[in-house]
């Protein structure tokens, strides 16, 4: 039997805004001792943005480094702590930013018997909570590295971003022994960096896309939402 998959990105697709801002909001309110490291992170990565503007660093490499380095805020935290922090971010930041139109489309795929999968560069712990709220059990996210059950502040490679999303999805298929009909499957994403994932399926949908993805989708006859 061939399975039809519906892949949904989270940040910018299923929800507005940026997930990292939710974590920043939490640490600003409850973990002020982490504010120095957050400040250093912001300053150093704003400096890197200048390299992007000067075309000395690609925007994709910059975004990948941002997504990877931001997870240093979890250094020294236990699994329970990161779960509780992620739950706070979902409840107090992310839930109100969910796009009802895209959530409705996700639910329609579920009703049609498709395998719905959340795939995002955000950490798996947060994705699992979002998945529980949306009734989605299939999750692919960035995995945090642990040492003796404590998070090291690093991520397990590859990070679930760009080509890393494709590798992670292919690994998911193999691990679950799924026979997927990619030509009949769907993918929803908002970023130009998701092109490799969108190209995997027969129904790529640029969802609330950034300017570059909008143009690419129009040039290639892809569906654009809204």
Foldseek 3Di string as FASTA:
>chain_A
DAAAEEEEEADLFQFDDGLLVLLVVCCVVPVVVCVVVVVVLVVVLVVVVVCCVVVNDPPQVSVQCNLFQSLLSQAFPAPVVVLVSLVCSCVPPTVVGGDPVVLVVQVVCVVVVHQYEYAYLDEQSNVCVVCVVSVHRHYHYWAFDDDPRGGRSGTDPPRRWQVRVVVRVVVVCVVVVHNHDQANYEYEEAEPSCVVVQVSHNAYERGSHDPVVVVVCVVVVHHYYD
